[in-house]
């Protein structure tokens, strides 16, 4: 299974990962704030993740890592 990990303390809620994910269901905004006061993205249904890495490449903070077939 593929895995997307978001460093919630680095995320600044830009939502690029949400908008550019080709599956549209991989990431969502958290319901709790991080230390900086943002609602960070979080990984949800990983069964649909194709590990394309778009979410990680569009993240301006480098807060996302993608691992394929772990």
PDB file of N, CA and C in Angstrom:
ATOM      1  N   UNK A   1       0.836  -1.189   0.000  1.00  0.00           N
ATOM      2  CA  UNK A   1       0.000   0.000   0.000  1.00  0.00           C
ATOM      3  C   UNK A   1       0.880   1.251   0.000  1.00  0.00           C
ATOM      4  N   UNK A   2       0.413   2.271  -0.638  1.00  0.00           N
ATOM      5  CA  UNK A   2       1.135   3.541  -0.688  1.00  0.00           C
ATOM      6  C   UNK A   2       0.840   4.349   0.572  1.00  0.00           C
ATOM      7  N   UNK A   3       1.750   5.264   0.891  1.00  0.00           N
ATOM      8  CA  UNK A   3       1.540   6.082   2.082  1.00  0.00           C
ATOM      9  C   UNK A   3       1.939   7.532   1.815  1.00  0.00           C
ATOM     10  N   UNK A   4       1.066   8.452   2.232  1.00  0.00           N
ATOM     11  CA  UNK A   4       1.339   9.881   2.180  1.00  0.00           C
ATOM     12  C   UNK A   4       1.430  10.355   3.626  1.00  0.00           C
ATOM     13  N   UNK A   5       2.529  11.039   3.942  1.00  0.00           N
ATOM     14  CA  UNK A   5       2.727  11.552   5.287  1.00  0.00           C
ATOM     15  C   UNK A   5       2.836  13.068   5.225  1.00  0.00           C
ATOM     16  N   UNK A   6       2.073  13.731   6.074  1.00  0.00           N
ATOM     17  CA  UNK A   6       2.094  15.190   6.140  1.00  0.00           C
ATOM     18  C   UNK A   6       2.681  15.600   7.483  1.00  0.00           C
ATOM     19  N   UNK A   7       3.722  16.416   7.453  1.00  0.00           N
ATOM     20  CA  UNK A   7       4.269  16.985   8.687  1.00  0.00           C
ATOM     21  C   UNK A   7       3.343  18.126   9.075  1.00  0.00           C
ATOM     22  N   UNK A   8       2.446  17.853   9.999  1.00  0.00           N
ATOM     23  CA  UNK A   8       1.395  18.817  10.325  1.00  0.00           C
ATOM     24  C   UNK A   8       1.921  20.131  10.886  1.00  0.00           C
ATOM     25  N   UNK A   9       3.113  20.133  11.465  1.00  0.00           N
ATOM     26  CA  UNK A   9       3.664  21.377  12.005  1.00  0.00           C
ATOM     27  C   UNK A   9       4.281  22.259  10.914  1.00  0.00           C
ATOM     28  N   UNK A  10       4.607  21.677   9.756  1.00  0.00           N
ATOM     29  CA  UNK A  10       5.157  22.450   8.637  1.00  0.00           C
ATOM     30  C   UNK A  10       4.064  22.969   7.703  1.00  0.00           C
ATOM     31  N   UNK A  11       2.907  22.328   7.706  1.00  0.00           N
ATOM     32  CA  UNK A  11       1.818  22.664   6.788  1.00  0.00           C
ATOM     33  C   UNK A  11       1.240  24.040   7.109  1.00  0.00           C
ATOM     34  N   UNK A  12       1.075  24.866   6.054  1.00  0.00           N
ATOM     35  CA  UNK A  12       0.510  26.206   6.216  1.00  0.00           C
ATOM     36  C   UNK A  12      -0.845  26.355   5.535  1.00  0.00           C
ATOM     37  N   UNK A  13      -1.550  25.246   5.359  1.00  0.00           N
ATOM     38  CA  UNK A  13      -2.942  25.253   4.895  1.00  0.00           C
ATOM     39  C   UNK A  13      -3.134  25.915   3.525  1.00  0.00           C
ATOM     40  N   UNK A  14      -2.181  25.779   2.621  1.00  0.00           N
ATOM     41  CA  UNK A  14      -2.333  26.379   1.297  1.00  0.00           C
ATOM     42  C   UNK A  14      -3.350  25.616   0.445  1.00  0.00           C
ATOM     43  N   UNK A  15      -3.550  24.346   0.769  1.00  0.00           N
ATOM     44  CA  UNK A  15      -4.504  23.461   0.092  1.00  0.00           C
ATOM     45  C   UNK A  15      -4.105  23.067  -1.326  1.00  0.00           C
ATOM     46  N   UNK A  16      -2.865  23.317  -1.728  1.00  0.00           N
ATOM     47  CA  UNK A  16      -2.422  22.885  -3.061  1.00  0.00           C
ATOM     48  C   UNK A  16      -2.550  21.373  -3.204  1.00  0.00           C
ATOM     49  N   UNK A  17      -2.179  20.635  -2.162  1.00  0.00           N
ATOM     50  CA  UNK A  17      -2.243  19.173  -2.222  1.00  0.00           C
ATOM     51  C   UNK A  17      -3.677  18.693  -2.437  1.00  0.00           C
ATOM     52  N   UNK A  18      -4.634  19.350  -1.815  1.00  0.00           N
ATOM     53  CA  UNK A  18      -6.038  18.979  -1.987  1.00  0.00           C
ATOM     54  C   UNK A  18      -6.513  19.241  -3.405  1.00  0.00           C
ATOM     55  N   UNK A  19      -6.106  20.371  -3.971  1.00  0.00           N
ATOM     56  CA  UNK A  19      -6.583  20.766  -5.297  1.00  0.00           C
ATOM     57  C   UNK A  19      -5.901  20.019  -6.443  1.00  0.00           C
ATOM     58  N   UNK A  20      -4.645  19.615  -6.254  1.00  0.00           N
ATOM     59  CA  UNK A  20      -3.905  18.991  -7.347  1.00  0.00           C
ATOM     60  C   UNK A  20      -3.892  17.464  -7.312  1.00  0.00           C
ATOM     61  N   UNK A  21      -4.421  16.851  -6.264  1.00  0.00           N
ATOM     62  CA  UNK A  21      -4.472  15.388  -6.189  1.00  0.00           C
ATOM     63  C   UNK A  21      -5.388  14.864  -7.301  1.00  0.00           C
ATOM     64  N   UNK A  22      -4.869  13.997  -8.189  1.00  0.00           N
ATOM     65  CA  UNK A  22      -5.705  13.514  -9.291  1.00  0.00           C
ATOM     66  C   UNK A  22      -6.856  12.622  -8.836  1.00  0.00           C
ATOM     67  N   UNK A  23      -6.761  12.042  -7.649  1.00  0.00           N
ATOM     68  CA  UNK A  23      -7.835  11.203  -7.126  1.00  0.00           C
ATOM     69  C   UNK A  23      -8.862  12.015  -6.353  1.00  0.00           C
ATOM     70  N   UNK A  24      -8.477  13.174  -5.851  1.00  0.00           N
ATOM     71  CA  UNK A  24      -9.407  14.056  -5.181  1.00  0.00           C
ATOM     72  C   UNK A  24      -9.874  13.647  -3.798  1.00  0.00           C
ATOM     73  N   UNK A  25      -9.405  12.526  -3.314  1.00  0.00           N
ATOM     74  CA  UNK A  25      -9.881  12.059  -2.009  1.00  0.00           C
ATOM     75  C   UNK A  25      -8.750  11.705  -1.057  1.00  0.00           C
ATOM     76  N   UNK A  26      -7.532  11.977  -1.421  1.00  0.00           N
ATOM     77  CA  UNK A  26      -6.409  11.521  -0.619  1.00  0.00           C
ATOM     78  C   UNK A  26      -6.185  12.387   0.617  1.00  0.00           C
ATOM     79  N   UNK A  27      -6.247  13.708   0.467  1.00  0.00           N
ATOM     80  CA  UNK A  27      -5.959  14.602   1.582  1.00  0.00           C
ATOM     81  C   UNK A  27      -7.157  15.469   1.913  1.00  0.00           C
ATOM     82  N   UNK A  28      -7.259  15.824   3.172  1.00  0.00           N
ATOM     83  CA  UNK A  28      -8.298  16.758   3.597  1.00  0.00           C
ATOM     84  C   UNK A  28      -7.734  17.642   4.689  1.00  0.00           C
ATOM     85  N   UNK A  29      -8.442  18.709   5.004  1.00  0.00           N
ATOM     86  CA  UNK A  29      -8.005  19.583   6.083  1.00  0.00           C
ATOM     87  C   UNK A  29      -8.314  18.938   7.421  1.00  0.00           C
ATOM     88  N   UNK A  30      -7.387  19.056   8.347  1.00  0.00           N
ATOM     89  CA  UNK A  30      -7.577  18.548   9.693  1.00  0.00           C
ATOM     90  C   UNK A  30      -8.621  19.392  10.421  1.00  0.00           C
ATOM     91  N   UNK A  31      -9.171  18.859  11.471  1.00  0.00           N
ATOM     92  CA  UNK A  31     -10.133  19.611  12.275  1.00  0.00           C
ATOM     93  C   UNK A  31      -9.464  20.277  13.473  1.00  0.00           C
ATOM     94  N   UNK A  32      -8.153  20.057  13.621  1.00  0.00           N
ATOM     95  CA  UNK A  32      -7.412  20.680  14.718  1.00  0.00           C
ATOM     96  C   UNK A  32      -6.270  21.517  14.153  1.00  0.00           C
ATOM     97  N   UNK A  33      -5.910  22.572  14.844  1.00  0.00           N
ATOM     98  CA  UNK A  33      -4.858  23.467  14.369  1.00  0.00           C
ATOM     99  C   UNK A  33      -3.478  22.982  14.802  1.00  0.00           C
ATOM    100  N   UNK A  34      -2.455  23.400  14.042  1.00  0.00           N
ATOM    101  CA  UNK A  34      -1.076  23.108  14.423  1.00  0.00           C
ATOM    102  C   UNK A  34      -0.535  24.264  15.259  1.00  0.00           C
ATOM    103  N   UNK A  35       0.747  24.229  15.596  1.00  0.00           N
ATOM    104  CA  UNK A  35       1.342  25.260  16.452  1.00  0.00           C
ATOM    105  C   UNK A  35       1.271  26.658  15.843  1.00  0.00           C
ATOM    106  N   UNK A  36       1.215  26.726  14.516  1.00  0.00           N
ATOM    107  CA  UNK A  36       1.174  28.028  13.838  1.00  0.00           C
ATOM    108  C   UNK A  36      -0.247  28.548  13.642  1.00  0.00           C
ATOM    109  N   UNK A  37      -1.247  27.757  14.034  1.00  0.00           N
ATOM    110  CA  UNK A  37      -2.632  28.184  13.903  1.00  0.00           C
ATOM    111  C   UNK A  37      -3.306  27.790  12.605  1.00  0.00           C
ATOM    112  N   UNK A  38      -2.677  26.905  11.826  1.00  0.00           N
ATOM    113  CA  UNK A  38      -3.248  26.450  10.564  1.00  0.00           C
ATOM    114  C   UNK A  38      -3.936  25.098  10.753  1.00  0.00           C
ATOM    115  N   UNK A  39      -4.892  24.820   9.881  1.00  0.00           N
ATOM    116  CA  UNK A  39      -5.515  23.501   9.835  1.00  0.00           C
ATOM    117  C   UNK A  39      -4.767  22.689   8.776  1.00  0.00           C
ATOM    118  N   UNK A  40      -3.835  21.849   9.186  1.00  0.00           N
ATOM    119  CA  UNK A  40      -3.001  21.149   8.209  1.00  0.00           C
ATOM    120  C   UNK A  40      -3.763  20.068   7.445  1.00  0.00           C
ATOM    121  N   UNK A  41      -3.227  19.726   6.294  1.00  0.00           N
ATOM    122  CA  UNK A  41      -3.776  18.619   5.509  1.00  0.00           C
ATOM    123  C   UNK A  41      -3.455  17.325   6.234  1.00  0.00           C
ATOM    124  N   UNK A  42      -4.256  16.307   5.991  1.00  0.00           N
ATOM    125  CA  UNK A  42      -3.953  14.996   6.540  1.00  0.00           C
ATOM    126  C   UNK A  42      -4.354  13.928   5.530  1.00  0.00           C
ATOM    127  N   UNK A  43      -3.647  12.830   5.577  1.00  0.00           N
ATOM    128  CA  UNK A  43      -3.915  11.734   4.651  1.00  0.00           C
ATOM    129  C   UNK A  43      -5.155  10.989   5.114  1.00  0.00           C
ATOM    130  N   UNK A  44      -6.000  10.645   4.168  1.00  0.00           N
ATOM    131  CA  UNK A  44      -7.194   9.856   4.474  1.00  0.00           C
ATOM    132  C   UNK A  44      -7.155   8.578   3.648  1.00  0.00           C
ATOM    133  N   UNK A  45      -8.106   8.235   2.920  1.00  0.00           N
ATOM    134  CA  UNK A  45      -8.247   6.954   2.232  1.00  0.00           C
ATOM    135  C   UNK A  45      -7.060   6.586   1.336  1.00  0.00           C
ATOM    136  N   UNK A  46      -6.098   5.875   1.894  1.00  0.00           N
ATOM    137  CA  UNK A  46      -4.889   5.515   1.154  1.00  0.00           C
ATOM    138  C   UNK A  46      -5.119   4.401   0.136  1.00  0.00           C
ATOM    139  N   UNK A  47      -6.265   3.749   0.165  1.00  0.00           N
ATOM    140  CA  UNK A  47      -6.537   2.693  -0.813  1.00  0.00           C
ATOM    141  C   UNK A  47      -6.627   3.253  -2.229  1.00  0.00           C
ATOM    142  N   UNK A  48      -6.984   4.526  -2.374  1.00  0.00           N
ATOM    143  CA  UNK A  48      -7.076   5.147  -3.693  1.00  0.00           C
ATOM    144  C   UNK A  48      -5.791   5.835  -4.137  1.00  0.00           C
ATOM    145  N   UNK A  49      -4.820   5.962  -3.247  1.00  0.00           N
ATOM    146  CA  UNK A  49      -3.577   6.678  -3.564  1.00  0.00           C
ATOM    147  C   UNK A  49      -2.780   5.922  -4.629  1.00  0.00           C
ATOM    148  N   UNK A  50      -2.357   6.649  -5.661  1.00  0.00           N
ATOM    149  CA  UNK A  50      -1.542   6.050  -6.719  1.00  0.00           C
ATOM    150  C   UNK A  50      -0.069   6.418  -6.567  1.00  0.00           C
ATOM    151  N   UNK A  51       0.265   7.116  -5.487  1.00  0.00           N
ATOM    152  CA  UNK A  51       1.647   7.510  -5.171  1.00  0.00           C
ATOM    153  C   UNK A  51       2.301   8.269  -6.317  1.00  0.00           C
ATOM    154  N   UNK A  52       1.545   9.162  -6.927  1.00  0.00           N
ATOM    155  CA  UNK A  52       2.079   9.935  -8.050  1.00  0.00           C
ATOM    156  C   UNK A  52       3.067  11.009  -7.580  1.00  0.00           C
ATOM    157  N   UNK A  53       2.927  11.444  -6.323  1.00  0.00           N
ATOM    158  CA  UNK A  53       3.848  12.427  -5.768  1.00  0.00           C
ATOM    159  C   UNK A  53       3.503  13.874  -6.091  1.00  0.00           C
ATOM    160  N   UNK A  54       2.384  14.102  -6.753  1.00  0.00           N
ATOM    161  CA  UNK A  54       2.000  15.471  -7.086  1.00  0.00           C
ATOM    162  C   UNK A  54       1.803  16.297  -5.824  1.00  0.00           C
ATOM    163  N   UNK A  55       1.162  15.722  -4.816  1.00  0.00           N
ATOM    164  CA  UNK A  55       0.925  16.461  -3.571  1.00  0.00           C
ATOM    165  C   UNK A  55       2.244  16.937  -2.964  1.00  0.00           C
ATOM    166  N   UNK A  56       3.250  16.071  -2.972  1.00  0.00           N
ATOM    167  CA  UNK A  56       4.556  16.437  -2.416  1.00  0.00           C
ATOM    168  C   UNK A  56       5.260  17.480  -3.280  1.00  0.00           C
ATOM    169  N   UNK A  57       5.121  17.375  -4.587  1.00  0.00           N
ATOM    170  CA  UNK A  57       5.831  18.309  -5.460  1.00  0.00           C
ATOM    171  C   UNK A  57       5.217  19.709  -5.451  1.00  0.00           C
ATOM    172  N   UNK A  58       3.910  19.829  -5.209  1.00  0.00           N
ATOM    173  CA  UNK A  58       3.291  21.152  -5.186  1.00  0.00           C
ATOM    174  C   UNK A  58       3.328  21.810  -3.809  1.00  0.00           C
ATOM    175  N   UNK A  59       3.725  21.089  -2.785  1.00  0.00           N
ATOM    176  CA  UNK A  59       3.757  21.640  -1.429  1.00  0.00           C
ATOM    177  C   UNK A  59       4.906  22.642  -1.281  1.00  0.00           C
ATOM    178  N   UNK A  60       4.607  23.933  -1.095  1.00  0.00           N
ATOM    179  CA  UNK A  60       5.672  24.929  -0.999  1.00  0.00           C
ATOM    180  C   UNK A  60       6.493  24.818   0.279  1.00  0.00           C
ATOM    181  N   UNK A  61       5.973  24.123   1.272  1.00  0.00           N
ATOM    182  CA  UNK A  61       6.682  23.973   2.539  1.00  0.00           C
ATOM    183  C   UNK A  61       7.468  22.668   2.628  1.00  0.00           C
ATOM    184  N   UNK A  62       7.315  21.774   1.666  1.00  0.00           N
ATOM    185  CA  UNK A  62       7.992  20.483   1.710  1.00  0.00           C
ATOM    186  C   UNK A  62       7.499  19.621   2.861  1.00  0.00           C
ATOM    187  N   UNK A  63       6.219  19.749   3.191  1.00  0.00           N
ATOM    188  CA  UNK A  63       5.653  19.063   4.348  1.00  0.00           C
ATOM    189  C   UNK A  63       5.118  17.674   4.033  1.00  0.00           C
ATOM    190  N   UNK A  64       5.167  17.263   2.765  1.00  0.00           N
ATOM    191  CA  UNK A  64       4.562  15.990   2.368  1.00  0.00           C
ATOM    192  C   UNK A  64       5.606  15.040   1.812  1.00  0.00           C
ATOM    193  N   UNK A  65       5.540  13.783   2.246  1.00  0.00           N
ATOM    194  CA  UNK A  65       6.358  12.718   1.674  1.00  0.00           C
ATOM    195  C   UNK A  65       5.439  11.623   1.171  1.00  0.00           C
ATOM    196  N   UNK A  66       5.844  10.985   0.088  1.00  0.00           N
ATOM    197  CA  UNK A  66       5.053   9.905  -0.513  1.00  0.00           C
ATOM    198  C   UNK A  66       5.932   8.666  -0.598  1.00  0.00           C
ATOM    199  N   UNK A  67       5.413   7.562  -0.110  1.00  0.00           N
ATOM    200  CA  UNK A  67       6.110   6.278  -0.190  1.00  0.00           C
ATOM    201  C   UNK A  67       5.245   5.317  -0.984  1.00  0.00           C
ATOM    202  N   UNK A  68       5.863   4.651  -1.941  1.00  0.00           N
ATOM    203  CA  UNK A  68       5.118   3.754  -2.823  1.00  0.00           C
ATOM    204  C   UNK A  68       5.318   2.302  -2.416  1.00  0.00           C
ATOM    205  N   UNK A  69       4.236   1.576  -2.391  1.00  0.00           N
ATOM    206  CA  UNK A  69       4.236   0.124  -2.140  1.00  0.00           C
ATOM    207  C   UNK A  69       5.019  -0.295  -0.904  1.00  0.00           C
ATOM    208  N   UNK A  70       4.672   0.274   0.222  1.00  0.00           N
ATOM    209  CA  UNK A  70       5.369  -0.124   1.455  1.00  0.00           C
ATOM    210  C   UNK A  70       4.611  -1.219   2.178  1.00  0.00           C
TER     211      UNK A  70
END
